[in-house]
Amino acid sequence: MAPAPSSTSSAVVLNINGEKHQLTVDHRTTLLDALRERLDLTGTKKGCDQGQCGACTVLVDGRRAVSCLNLAVAAEGREITTIEGMAEGDLLHPVQQAFLDLDGYQCGYCTPGQICSAVAVIEEHAAGWPSAATEDVRPEAGPPPLTPDEIRERMSGNLCRCGAYVSIVEAVARAAEAHDATAHDGDGARDGSAKGAAA
């Protein structure tokens, strides 16, 4: 049974990986500590605890966030996705599969954060968001080519102390290609159904 709230704590409901969790947390409790210490979701790693290494990256409403710098009470009402929520049953997320196929890891400690960040990077790129490496940032230019330089810049908030960066870049590129192919297939299916309906 959760302890009653006090002047220094609050009862919150956190929506994590599609499941609601009711907790009473100290107002100073970070989302990272709530995930790891209270909910036993230890895939999210504690690295620097200062927002600099990216090991604790999760998705909050589809956007990447370092959970060590976010308070658990501020996450109430948000959709939180951790590494444990990436796969669909036994089917790995395409980013997870690419990391596995291309050895985008060594010790694996930073890998959950790398994968969560890569998922967001691919979505941000597909939405046309520029990065510091983007040469033409005009909206009409559309998404820039997802070159290795673009990937390195967009993933620069995630450190790998083993130095598996070459494989990480390759894994992100492969997953982005799979994402683009799926998006185009979906567009084709919608176009086809629209044409059929029009006929």
N, C-alpha and C. Protein backbone atom coordinates (compact mmCIF):
# COMPACT_ATOMS: atom_id res chain seq x y z
N MET A 1 0.84 -1.19 0.00
CA MET A 1 0.00 0.00 0.00
C MET A 1 0.88 1.24 0.00
N ALA A 2 0.57 2.20 -0.88
CA ALA A 2 1.37 3.42 -0.99
C ALA A 2 1.15 4.29 0.24
N PRO A 3 2.23 4.91 0.75
CA PRO A 3 2.07 5.82 1.89
C PRO A 3 1.22 7.02 1.51
N ALA A 4 0.57 7.62 2.50
CA ALA A 4 -0.28 8.77 2.25
C ALA A 4 0.56 9.97 1.84
N PRO A 5 0.03 10.83 0.98
CA PRO A 5 0.76 12.04 0.61
C PRO A 5 0.98 12.94 1.82
N SER A 6 2.02 13.75 1.75
CA SER A 6 2.32 14.70 2.81
C SER A 6 2.66 16.03 2.16
N SER A 7 3.17 16.97 2.96
CA SER A 7 3.53 18.28 2.39
C SER A 7 4.72 18.18 1.45
N THR A 8 5.47 17.08 1.53
CA THR A 8 6.65 16.93 0.67
C THR A 8 6.49 15.80 -0.34
N SER A 9 5.29 15.23 -0.44
CA SER A 9 5.07 14.15 -1.40
C SER A 9 3.69 14.28 -2.01
N SER A 10 3.50 13.59 -3.12
CA SER A 10 2.22 13.63 -3.83
C SER A 10 1.90 12.25 -4.38
N ALA A 11 0.61 11.96 -4.47
CA ALA A 11 0.16 10.75 -5.15
C ALA A 11 0.05 11.08 -6.63
N VAL A 12 0.68 10.27 -7.46
CA VAL A 12 0.66 10.48 -8.91
C VAL A 12 0.29 9.19 -9.61
N VAL A 13 -0.23 9.34 -10.80
CA VAL A 13 -0.48 8.19 -11.68
C VAL A 13 0.40 8.37 -12.90
N LEU A 14 1.33 7.46 -13.10
CA LEU A 14 2.24 7.54 -14.23
C LEU A 14 1.81 6.52 -15.28
N ASN A 15 1.69 6.99 -16.52
CA ASN A 15 1.31 6.13 -17.64
C ASN A 15 2.59 5.71 -18.35
N ILE A 16 3.01 4.48 -18.08
CA ILE A 16 4.30 3.99 -18.59
C ILE A 16 4.07 2.75 -19.43
N ASN A 17 4.52 2.82 -20.67
CA ASN A 17 4.38 1.70 -21.61
C ASN A 17 2.94 1.21 -21.69
N GLY A 18 2.00 2.17 -21.64
CA GLY A 18 0.60 1.83 -21.78
C GLY A 18 -0.08 1.34 -20.52
N GLU A 19 0.64 1.30 -19.41
CA GLU A 19 0.06 0.86 -18.14
C GLU A 19 0.11 1.99 -17.13
N LYS A 20 -0.93 2.10 -16.33
CA LYS A 20 -0.98 3.15 -15.31
C LYS A 20 -0.45 2.61 -13.99
N HIS A 21 0.40 3.41 -13.35
CA HIS A 21 1.00 3.05 -12.07
C HIS A 21 0.72 4.17 -11.07
N GLN A 22 0.11 3.82 -9.94
CA GLN A 22 -0.17 4.81 -8.91
C GLN A 22 0.92 4.75 -7.85
N LEU A 23 1.52 5.89 -7.59
CA LEU A 23 2.63 5.97 -6.64
C LEU A 23 2.47 7.21 -5.78
N THR A 24 3.02 7.15 -4.57
CA THR A 24 3.22 8.36 -3.77
C THR A 24 4.71 8.62 -3.77
N VAL A 25 5.10 9.76 -4.30
CA VAL A 25 6.52 10.05 -4.46
C VAL A 25 6.88 11.37 -3.80
N ASP A 26 8.07 11.43 -3.27
CA ASP A 26 8.63 12.68 -2.79
C ASP A 26 8.71 13.64 -3.97
N HIS A 27 8.46 14.90 -3.73
CA HIS A 27 8.48 15.87 -4.82
C HIS A 27 9.82 15.96 -5.52
N ARG A 28 10.87 15.54 -4.85
CA ARG A 28 12.21 15.61 -5.43
C ARG A 28 12.60 14.37 -6.21
N THR A 29 11.74 13.36 -6.22
CA THR A 29 12.06 12.09 -6.90
C THR A 29 12.10 12.29 -8.41
N THR A 30 13.19 11.89 -9.01
CA THR A 30 13.28 12.01 -10.46
C THR A 30 12.48 10.89 -11.12
N LEU A 31 12.13 11.12 -12.37
CA LEU A 31 11.45 10.07 -13.13
C LEU A 31 12.34 8.84 -13.21
N LEU A 32 13.64 9.03 -13.36
CA LEU A 32 14.58 7.91 -13.43
C LEU A 32 14.50 7.06 -12.18
N ASP A 33 14.53 7.69 -11.00
CA ASP A 33 14.48 6.92 -9.76
C ASP A 33 13.12 6.26 -9.55
N ALA A 34 12.06 6.92 -9.98
CA ALA A 34 10.74 6.30 -9.88
C ALA A 34 10.68 5.05 -10.75
N LEU A 35 11.23 5.14 -11.96
CA LEU A 35 11.22 3.98 -12.87
C LEU A 35 12.03 2.82 -12.29
N ARG A 36 13.24 3.13 -11.85
CA ARG A 36 14.15 2.08 -11.42
C ARG A 36 13.85 1.56 -10.02
N GLU A 37 13.66 2.48 -9.08
CA GLU A 37 13.57 2.08 -7.68
C GLU A 37 12.16 1.73 -7.24
N ARG A 38 11.17 2.35 -7.86
CA ARG A 38 9.80 2.12 -7.41
C ARG A 38 9.04 1.14 -8.31
N LEU A 39 9.37 1.13 -9.60
CA LEU A 39 8.61 0.32 -10.54
C LEU A 39 9.41 -0.84 -11.12
N ASP A 40 10.67 -0.94 -10.74
CA ASP A 40 11.54 -2.04 -11.18
C ASP A 40 11.70 -2.09 -12.70
N LEU A 41 11.62 -0.92 -13.34
CA LEU A 41 11.88 -0.82 -14.78
C LEU A 41 13.34 -0.41 -14.93
N THR A 42 14.21 -1.38 -14.79
CA THR A 42 15.65 -1.10 -14.70
C THR A 42 16.34 -1.06 -16.05
N GLY A 43 15.58 -1.17 -17.13
CA GLY A 43 16.20 -1.02 -18.45
C GLY A 43 16.74 0.39 -18.64
N THR A 44 16.06 1.37 -18.06
CA THR A 44 16.54 2.76 -18.12
C THR A 44 17.71 2.87 -17.15
N LYS A 45 18.86 3.27 -17.66
CA LYS A 45 20.09 3.24 -16.86
C LYS A 45 20.43 4.59 -16.23
N LYS A 46 21.04 4.51 -15.07
CA LYS A 46 21.55 5.71 -14.41
C LYS A 46 23.04 5.81 -14.73
N GLY A 47 23.40 6.87 -15.43
CA GLY A 47 24.80 7.07 -15.79
C GLY A 47 25.40 8.21 -15.00
N CYS A 48 25.34 9.41 -15.57
CA CYS A 48 25.96 10.57 -14.92
C CYS A 48 25.04 11.21 -13.88
N ASP A 49 23.72 11.01 -14.00
CA ASP A 49 22.72 11.63 -13.13
C ASP A 49 22.75 13.15 -13.25
N GLN A 50 23.27 13.66 -14.35
CA GLN A 50 23.37 15.11 -14.57
C GLN A 50 22.86 15.51 -15.95
N GLY A 51 22.23 14.60 -16.68
CA GLY A 51 21.68 14.93 -17.99
C GLY A 51 22.70 15.05 -19.10
N GLN A 52 23.89 14.48 -18.90
CA GLN A 52 24.95 14.67 -19.89
C GLN A 52 25.28 13.43 -20.71
N CYS A 53 24.90 12.24 -20.23
CA CYS A 53 25.36 11.03 -20.94
C CYS A 53 24.27 10.37 -21.78
N GLY A 54 22.99 10.62 -21.47
CA GLY A 54 21.91 10.06 -22.26
C GLY A 54 21.52 8.64 -21.93
N ALA A 55 22.18 8.00 -20.94
CA ALA A 55 21.87 6.60 -20.62
C ALA A 55 20.44 6.43 -20.12
N CYS A 56 19.88 7.49 -19.55
CA CYS A 56 18.54 7.39 -18.96
C CYS A 56 17.45 7.90 -19.90
N THR A 57 17.76 8.04 -21.18
CA THR A 57 16.78 8.59 -22.13
C THR A 57 15.54 7.71 -22.23
N VAL A 58 14.38 8.34 -22.14
CA VAL A 58 13.09 7.70 -22.37
C VAL A 58 12.31 8.60 -23.32
N LEU A 59 11.15 8.15 -23.75
CA LEU A 59 10.27 8.99 -24.57
C LEU A 59 9.13 9.50 -23.70
N VAL A 60 8.90 10.79 -23.74
CA VAL A 60 7.78 11.42 -23.03
C VAL A 60 6.91 12.10 -24.08
N ASP A 61 5.71 11.58 -24.25
CA ASP A 61 4.82 12.05 -25.32
C ASP A 61 5.52 11.98 -26.67
N GLY A 62 6.32 10.94 -26.88
CA GLY A 62 6.99 10.71 -28.15
C GLY A 62 8.28 11.48 -28.34
N ARG A 63 8.60 12.37 -27.41
CA ARG A 63 9.83 13.16 -27.50
C ARG A 63 10.84 12.60 -26.51
N ARG A 64 12.10 12.61 -26.88
CA ARG A 64 13.12 12.07 -25.98
C ARG A 64 13.38 13.01 -24.80
N ALA A 65 13.63 12.41 -23.66
CA ALA A 65 13.88 13.18 -22.45
C ALA A 65 14.85 12.40 -21.58
N VAL A 66 15.77 13.12 -20.94
CA VAL A 66 16.66 12.46 -19.97
C VAL A 66 15.90 12.40 -18.65
N SER A 67 15.60 11.19 -18.23
CA SER A 67 14.72 11.01 -17.07
C SER A 67 15.37 11.41 -15.76
N CYS A 68 16.69 11.56 -15.74
CA CYS A 68 17.35 11.99 -14.50
C CYS A 68 17.11 13.46 -14.21
N LEU A 69 16.69 14.24 -15.20
CA LEU A 69 16.44 15.66 -15.00
C LEU A 69 14.95 16.00 -14.98
N ASN A 70 14.10 14.99 -15.07
CA ASN A 70 12.66 15.20 -15.03
C ASN A 70 12.11 14.66 -13.72
N LEU A 71 11.27 15.44 -13.06
CA LEU A 71 10.67 14.99 -11.82
C LEU A 71 9.49 14.07 -12.11
N ALA A 72 9.33 13.06 -11.28
CA ALA A 72 8.23 12.11 -11.46
C ALA A 72 6.88 12.81 -11.38
N VAL A 73 6.74 13.79 -10.47
CA VAL A 73 5.44 14.47 -10.33
C VAL A 73 5.09 15.26 -11.59
N ALA A 74 6.11 15.69 -12.33
CA ALA A 74 5.86 16.46 -13.55
C ALA A 74 5.49 15.56 -14.72
N ALA A 75 5.66 14.25 -14.55
CA ALA A 75 5.38 13.32 -15.64
C ALA A 75 3.95 12.80 -15.60
N GLU A 76 3.19 13.20 -14.60
CA GLU A 76 1.81 12.72 -14.51
C GLU A 76 1.03 13.24 -15.72
N GLY A 77 0.21 12.36 -16.29
CA GLY A 77 -0.59 12.73 -17.45
C GLY A 77 0.15 12.66 -18.77
N ARG A 78 1.42 12.28 -18.74
CA ARG A 78 2.21 12.16 -19.97
C ARG A 78 2.31 10.68 -20.36
N GLU A 79 2.55 10.44 -21.64
CA GLU A 79 2.77 9.08 -22.14
C GLU A 79 4.26 8.79 -22.09
N ILE A 80 4.68 7.91 -21.22
CA ILE A 80 6.09 7.61 -21.04
C ILE A 80 6.38 6.24 -21.66
N THR A 81 7.41 6.18 -22.48
CA THR A 81 7.83 4.91 -23.07
C THR A 81 9.28 4.67 -22.70
N THR A 82 9.53 3.51 -22.08
CA THR A 82 10.89 3.11 -21.74
C THR A 82 11.31 1.99 -22.69
N ILE A 83 12.53 1.54 -22.54
CA ILE A 83 13.02 0.46 -23.41
C ILE A 83 12.15 -0.79 -23.29
N GLU A 84 11.57 -1.00 -22.11
CA GLU A 84 10.72 -2.18 -21.91
C GLU A 84 9.45 -2.12 -22.75
N GLY A 85 9.07 -0.92 -23.21
CA GLY A 85 7.85 -0.77 -23.99
C GLY A 85 8.07 -0.66 -25.48
N MET A 86 9.30 -0.88 -25.93
CA MET A 86 9.60 -0.72 -27.36
C MET A 86 9.10 -1.88 -28.22
N ALA A 87 9.32 -3.08 -27.75
CA ALA A 87 8.94 -4.26 -28.54
C ALA A 87 7.44 -4.50 -28.43
N GLU A 88 6.89 -5.19 -29.41
CA GLU A 88 5.50 -5.63 -29.36
C GLU A 88 5.52 -7.14 -29.18
N GLY A 89 5.42 -7.57 -27.93
CA GLY A 89 5.54 -9.00 -27.63
C GLY A 89 6.94 -9.47 -27.97
N ASP A 90 7.02 -10.50 -28.80
CA ASP A 90 8.32 -11.03 -29.22
C ASP A 90 8.89 -10.29 -30.43
N LEU A 91 8.13 -9.36 -30.99
CA LEU A 91 8.58 -8.63 -32.18
C LEU A 91 9.33 -7.38 -31.75
N LEU A 92 10.63 -7.36 -32.04
CA LEU A 92 11.45 -6.21 -31.67
C LEU A 92 11.08 -4.99 -32.50
N HIS A 93 11.26 -3.83 -31.90
CA HIS A 93 11.13 -2.58 -32.65
C HIS A 93 12.22 -2.57 -33.73
N PRO A 94 11.97 -2.00 -34.91
CA PRO A 94 13.00 -1.97 -35.96
C PRO A 94 14.34 -1.39 -35.50
N VAL A 95 14.32 -0.43 -34.60
CA VAL A 95 15.58 0.12 -34.10
C VAL A 95 16.30 -0.93 -33.25
N GLN A 96 15.56 -1.63 -32.41
CA GLN A 96 16.18 -2.70 -31.62
C GLN A 96 16.78 -3.76 -32.53
N GLN A 97 16.04 -4.14 -33.56
CA GLN A 97 16.52 -5.17 -34.48
C GLN A 97 17.78 -4.72 -35.20
N ALA A 98 17.81 -3.45 -35.61
CA ALA A 98 18.99 -2.93 -36.30
C ALA A 98 20.20 -2.91 -35.38
N PHE A 99 20.02 -2.51 -34.12
CA PHE A 99 21.13 -2.53 -33.16
C PHE A 99 21.64 -3.95 -32.98
N LEU A 100 20.73 -4.91 -32.93
CA LEU A 100 21.11 -6.32 -32.76
C LEU A 100 21.85 -6.82 -34.00
N ASP A 101 21.31 -6.54 -35.18
CA ASP A 101 21.90 -7.04 -36.42
C ASP A 101 23.27 -6.45 -36.70
N LEU A 102 23.47 -5.18 -36.32
CA LEU A 102 24.70 -4.48 -36.69
C LEU A 102 25.64 -4.27 -35.50
N ASP A 103 25.39 -4.97 -34.41
CA ASP A 103 26.25 -4.85 -33.22
C ASP A 103 26.40 -3.41 -32.78
N GLY A 104 25.27 -2.72 -32.62
CA GLY A 104 25.31 -1.33 -32.19
C GLY A 104 25.47 -1.18 -30.69
N TYR A 105 26.26 -2.03 -30.11
CA TYR A 105 26.47 -2.01 -28.66
C TYR A 105 27.73 -2.81 -28.34
N GLN A 106 28.27 -2.59 -27.17
CA GLN A 106 29.33 -3.46 -26.67
C GLN A 106 28.94 -3.95 -25.28
N CYS A 107 29.19 -3.12 -24.25
CA CYS A 107 28.78 -3.58 -22.91
C CYS A 107 27.27 -3.53 -22.76
N GLY A 108 26.59 -2.67 -23.53
CA GLY A 108 25.14 -2.60 -23.51
C GLY A 108 24.55 -1.62 -22.50
N TYR A 109 25.39 -1.00 -21.68
CA TYR A 109 24.83 -0.13 -20.63
C TYR A 109 24.11 1.07 -21.22
N CYS A 110 24.67 1.67 -22.25
CA CYS A 110 24.04 2.86 -22.84
C CYS A 110 22.97 2.51 -23.87
N THR A 111 22.86 1.24 -24.23
CA THR A 111 22.02 0.84 -25.35
C THR A 111 20.54 1.21 -25.20
N PRO A 112 19.92 1.01 -24.02
CA PRO A 112 18.51 1.41 -23.92
C PRO A 112 18.29 2.88 -24.23
N GLY A 113 19.15 3.73 -23.71
CA GLY A 113 19.04 5.16 -23.99
C GLY A 113 19.32 5.48 -25.45
N GLN A 114 20.30 4.79 -26.02
CA GLN A 114 20.61 4.99 -27.44
C GLN A 114 19.40 4.63 -28.30
N ILE A 115 18.76 3.51 -27.99
CA ILE A 115 17.61 3.05 -28.78
C ILE A 115 16.44 4.02 -28.65
N CYS A 116 16.13 4.44 -27.41
CA CYS A 116 15.03 5.39 -27.22
C CYS A 116 15.31 6.68 -27.98
N SER A 117 16.55 7.15 -27.91
CA SER A 117 16.90 8.38 -28.62
C SER A 117 16.80 8.18 -30.13
N ALA A 118 17.27 7.04 -30.62
CA ALA A 118 17.23 6.78 -32.06
C ALA A 118 15.80 6.74 -32.59
N VAL A 119 14.88 6.16 -31.82
CA VAL A 119 13.47 6.13 -32.23
C VAL A 119 12.96 7.56 -32.42
N ALA A 120 13.29 8.44 -31.47
CA ALA A 120 12.86 9.83 -31.57
C ALA A 120 13.57 10.56 -32.71
N VAL A 121 14.84 10.28 -32.90
CA VAL A 121 15.61 10.90 -33.99
C VAL A 121 14.96 10.61 -35.33
N ILE A 122 14.58 9.37 -35.55
CA ILE A 122 13.98 8.98 -36.82
C ILE A 122 12.66 9.71 -37.04
N GLU A 123 11.86 9.83 -35.98
CA GLU A 123 10.58 10.55 -36.09
C GLU A 123 10.82 12.04 -36.32
N GLU A 124 11.78 12.62 -35.61
CA GLU A 124 12.08 14.04 -35.78
C GLU A 124 12.55 14.32 -37.21
N HIS A 125 13.40 13.45 -37.74
CA HIS A 125 13.89 13.62 -39.11
C HIS A 125 12.75 13.51 -40.11
N ALA A 126 11.90 12.50 -39.93
CA ALA A 126 10.77 12.30 -40.85
C ALA A 126 9.83 13.49 -40.83
N ALA A 127 9.74 14.17 -39.68
CA ALA A 127 8.88 15.35 -39.55
C ALA A 127 9.52 16.61 -40.13
N GLY A 128 10.79 16.49 -40.58
CA GLY A 128 11.46 17.62 -41.21
C GLY A 128 12.22 18.52 -40.27
N TRP A 129 12.42 18.09 -39.03
CA TRP A 129 13.16 18.92 -38.10
C TRP A 129 14.62 18.98 -38.51
N PRO A 130 15.20 20.17 -38.57
CA PRO A 130 16.63 20.28 -38.89
C PRO A 130 17.49 20.02 -37.66
N SER A 131 18.77 19.83 -37.89
CA SER A 131 19.74 19.70 -36.80
C SER A 131 20.84 20.72 -37.05
N ALA A 132 21.81 20.76 -36.16
CA ALA A 132 22.94 21.67 -36.33
C ALA A 132 23.78 21.29 -37.55
N ALA A 133 23.63 20.06 -38.04
CA ALA A 133 24.38 19.61 -39.22
C ALA A 133 23.61 19.82 -40.52
N THR A 134 22.37 20.27 -40.44
CA THR A 134 21.54 20.44 -41.63
C THR A 134 21.99 21.68 -42.41
N GLU A 135 22.28 21.49 -43.69
CA GLU A 135 22.77 22.60 -44.50
C GLU A 135 21.65 23.55 -44.92
N ASP A 136 20.51 23.03 -45.32
CA ASP A 136 19.39 23.87 -45.77
C ASP A 136 18.24 23.69 -44.78
N VAL A 137 18.03 24.70 -43.94
CA VAL A 137 17.04 24.57 -42.88
C VAL A 137 15.69 25.18 -43.26
N ARG A 138 15.53 25.62 -44.51
CA ARG A 138 14.24 26.17 -44.93
C ARG A 138 13.17 25.08 -44.90
N PRO A 139 11.98 25.38 -44.37
CA PRO A 139 10.93 24.37 -44.29
C PRO A 139 10.60 23.74 -45.64
N GLU A 140 10.65 24.55 -46.70
CA GLU A 140 10.30 24.00 -48.02
C GLU A 140 11.35 23.03 -48.55
N ALA A 141 12.53 23.01 -47.93
CA ALA A 141 13.58 22.08 -48.36
C ALA A 141 13.25 20.64 -47.98
N GLY A 142 12.34 20.47 -47.01
CA GLY A 142 11.97 19.12 -46.58
C GLY A 142 13.05 18.49 -45.73
N PRO A 143 12.84 17.24 -45.33
CA PRO A 143 13.83 16.56 -44.49
C PRO A 143 15.17 16.45 -45.20
N PRO A 144 16.26 16.75 -44.53
CA PRO A 144 17.58 16.60 -45.15
C PRO A 144 17.92 15.12 -45.29
N PRO A 145 18.84 14.78 -46.17
CA PRO A 145 19.28 13.38 -46.23
C PRO A 145 19.83 12.97 -44.87
N LEU A 146 19.48 11.77 -44.43
CA LEU A 146 19.93 11.31 -43.11
C LEU A 146 21.33 10.70 -43.27
N THR A 147 22.29 11.59 -43.45
CA THR A 147 23.68 11.19 -43.63
C THR A 147 24.30 10.78 -42.30
N PRO A 148 25.46 10.14 -42.33
CA PRO A 148 26.14 9.83 -41.07
C PRO A 148 26.39 11.06 -40.22
N ASP A 149 26.72 12.20 -40.86
CA ASP A 149 26.92 13.43 -40.09
C ASP A 149 25.64 13.86 -39.40
N GLU A 150 24.52 13.76 -40.11
CA GLU A 150 23.22 14.10 -39.50
C GLU A 150 22.94 13.19 -38.31
N ILE A 151 23.16 11.90 -38.50
CA ILE A 151 22.88 10.96 -37.42
C ILE A 151 23.78 11.23 -36.22
N ARG A 152 25.05 11.45 -36.47
CA ARG A 152 25.98 11.73 -35.36
C ARG A 152 25.56 12.97 -34.59
N GLU A 153 25.17 14.01 -35.30
CA GLU A 153 24.74 15.24 -34.62
C GLU A 153 23.48 15.01 -33.81
N ARG A 154 22.51 14.33 -34.42
CA ARG A 154 21.23 14.12 -33.75
C ARG A 154 21.36 13.17 -32.56
N MET A 155 22.32 12.27 -32.59
CA MET A 155 22.53 11.32 -31.49
C MET A 155 23.61 11.78 -30.51
N SER A 156 24.07 13.00 -30.66
CA SER A 156 25.23 13.44 -29.87
C SER A 156 24.97 13.55 -28.38
N GLY A 157 23.71 13.54 -27.97
CA GLY A 157 23.42 13.57 -26.53
C GLY A 157 23.54 12.23 -25.85
N ASN A 158 23.84 11.19 -26.61
CA ASN A 158 23.98 9.85 -26.05
C ASN A 158 25.42 9.38 -26.19
N LEU A 159 26.09 9.19 -25.07
CA LEU A 159 27.48 8.77 -25.08
C LEU A 159 27.61 7.26 -24.97
N CYS A 160 28.60 6.72 -25.66
CA CYS A 160 28.94 5.30 -25.57
C CYS A 160 30.40 5.21 -25.15
N ARG A 161 30.62 4.83 -23.93
CA ARG A 161 32.00 4.80 -23.43
C ARG A 161 32.81 3.66 -24.03
N CYS A 162 32.12 2.67 -24.63
CA CYS A 162 32.84 1.60 -25.33
C CYS A 162 33.28 2.04 -26.72
N GLY A 163 32.66 3.08 -27.26
CA GLY A 163 33.03 3.58 -28.58
C GLY A 163 32.41 2.82 -29.72
N ALA A 164 31.16 2.38 -29.57
CA ALA A 164 30.48 1.63 -30.63
C ALA A 164 29.78 2.55 -31.61
N TYR A 165 30.27 3.76 -31.75
CA TYR A 165 29.57 4.77 -32.54
C TYR A 165 29.37 4.40 -34.01
N VAL A 166 30.37 3.78 -34.62
CA VAL A 166 30.25 3.43 -36.04
C VAL A 166 29.04 2.51 -36.26
N SER A 167 28.92 1.51 -35.42
CA SER A 167 27.80 0.56 -35.56
C SER A 167 26.48 1.21 -35.17
N ILE A 168 26.50 2.12 -34.21
CA ILE A 168 25.27 2.82 -33.82
C ILE A 168 24.75 3.65 -34.99
N VAL A 169 25.64 4.37 -35.65
CA VAL A 169 25.24 5.18 -36.81
C VAL A 169 24.65 4.29 -37.89
N GLU A 170 25.29 3.15 -38.16
CA GLU A 170 24.78 2.23 -39.17
C GLU A 170 23.41 1.69 -38.78
N ALA A 171 23.23 1.39 -37.50
CA ALA A 171 21.95 0.85 -37.03
C ALA A 171 20.84 1.89 -37.17
N VAL A 172 21.12 3.13 -36.82
CA VAL A 172 20.11 4.19 -36.95
C VAL A 172 19.75 4.38 -38.42
N ALA A 173 20.76 4.37 -39.30
CA ALA A 173 20.50 4.53 -40.73
C ALA A 173 19.62 3.41 -41.26
N ARG A 174 19.91 2.17 -40.85
CA ARG A 174 19.11 1.04 -41.34
C ARG A 174 17.68 1.13 -40.83
N ALA A 175 17.52 1.47 -39.56
CA ALA A 175 16.17 1.59 -39.00
C ALA A 175 15.39 2.73 -39.67
N ALA A 176 16.10 3.81 -40.01
CA ALA A 176 15.44 4.93 -40.69
C ALA A 176 14.96 4.50 -42.08
N GLU A 177 15.77 3.69 -42.77
CA GLU A 177 15.35 3.18 -44.08
C GLU A 177 14.10 2.32 -43.95
N ALA A 178 14.07 1.48 -42.91
CA ALA A 178 12.89 0.63 -42.69
C ALA A 178 11.67 1.49 -42.37
N HIS A 179 11.88 2.56 -41.60
CA HIS A 179 10.79 3.47 -41.25
C HIS A 179 10.25 4.14 -42.51
N ASP A 180 11.16 4.61 -43.38
CA ASP A 180 10.74 5.27 -44.61
C ASP A 180 9.97 4.31 -45.52
N ALA A 181 10.46 3.07 -45.60
CA ALA A 181 9.79 2.08 -46.45
C ALA A 181 8.39 1.79 -45.94
N THR A 182 8.25 1.69 -44.63
CA THR A 182 6.93 1.44 -44.04
C THR A 182 6.01 2.62 -44.28
N ALA A 183 6.55 3.84 -44.14
CA ALA A 183 5.74 5.04 -44.37
C ALA A 183 5.26 5.10 -45.81
N HIS A 184 6.14 4.77 -46.77
CA HIS A 184 5.76 4.80 -48.18
C HIS A 184 4.73 3.73 -48.49
N ASP A 185 4.90 2.54 -47.88
CA ASP A 185 3.92 1.47 -48.08
C ASP A 185 2.56 1.90 -47.57
N GLY A 186 2.57 2.58 -46.41
CA GLY A 186 1.32 3.06 -45.83
C GLY A 186 0.66 4.10 -46.71
N ASP A 187 1.47 4.99 -47.31
CA ASP A 187 0.93 6.00 -48.21
C ASP A 187 0.30 5.34 -49.43
N GLY A 188 1.00 4.31 -49.93
CA GLY A 188 0.48 3.62 -51.10
C GLY A 188 -0.84 2.93 -50.81
N ALA A 189 -0.92 2.33 -49.61
CA ALA A 189 -2.14 1.64 -49.24
C ALA A 189 -3.29 2.63 -49.11
N ARG A 190 -3.00 3.80 -48.51
CA ARG A 190 -4.04 4.81 -48.37
C ARG A 190 -4.45 5.35 -49.74
N ASP A 191 -3.46 5.58 -50.62
CA ASP A 191 -3.79 6.07 -51.96
C ASP A 191 -4.66 5.07 -52.70
N GLY A 192 -4.29 3.78 -52.56
CA GLY A 192 -5.03 2.74 -53.25
C GLY A 192 -6.46 2.65 -52.76
N SER A 193 -6.62 2.73 -51.40
CA SER A 193 -7.96 2.63 -50.86
C SER A 193 -8.80 3.84 -51.26
N ALA A 194 -8.13 5.02 -51.34
CA ALA A 194 -8.86 6.22 -51.74
C ALA A 194 -9.33 6.10 -53.19
N LYS A 195 -8.41 5.56 -54.05
CA LYS A 195 -8.79 5.40 -55.45
C LYS A 195 -9.92 4.41 -55.60
N GLY A 196 -9.83 3.32 -54.81
CA GLY A 196 -10.90 2.32 -54.87
C GLY A 196 -12.24 2.91 -54.45
N ALA A 197 -12.18 3.76 -53.39
CA ALA A 197 -13.42 4.36 -52.91
C ALA A 197 -13.98 5.32 -53.95
N ALA A 198 -13.07 6.04 -54.63
CA ALA A 198 -13.51 7.00 -55.64
C ALA A 198 -14.15 6.30 -56.83
N ALA A 199 -13.60 5.11 -57.18
CA ALA A 199 -14.15 4.36 -58.30
C ALA A 199 -15.53 3.83 -57.95
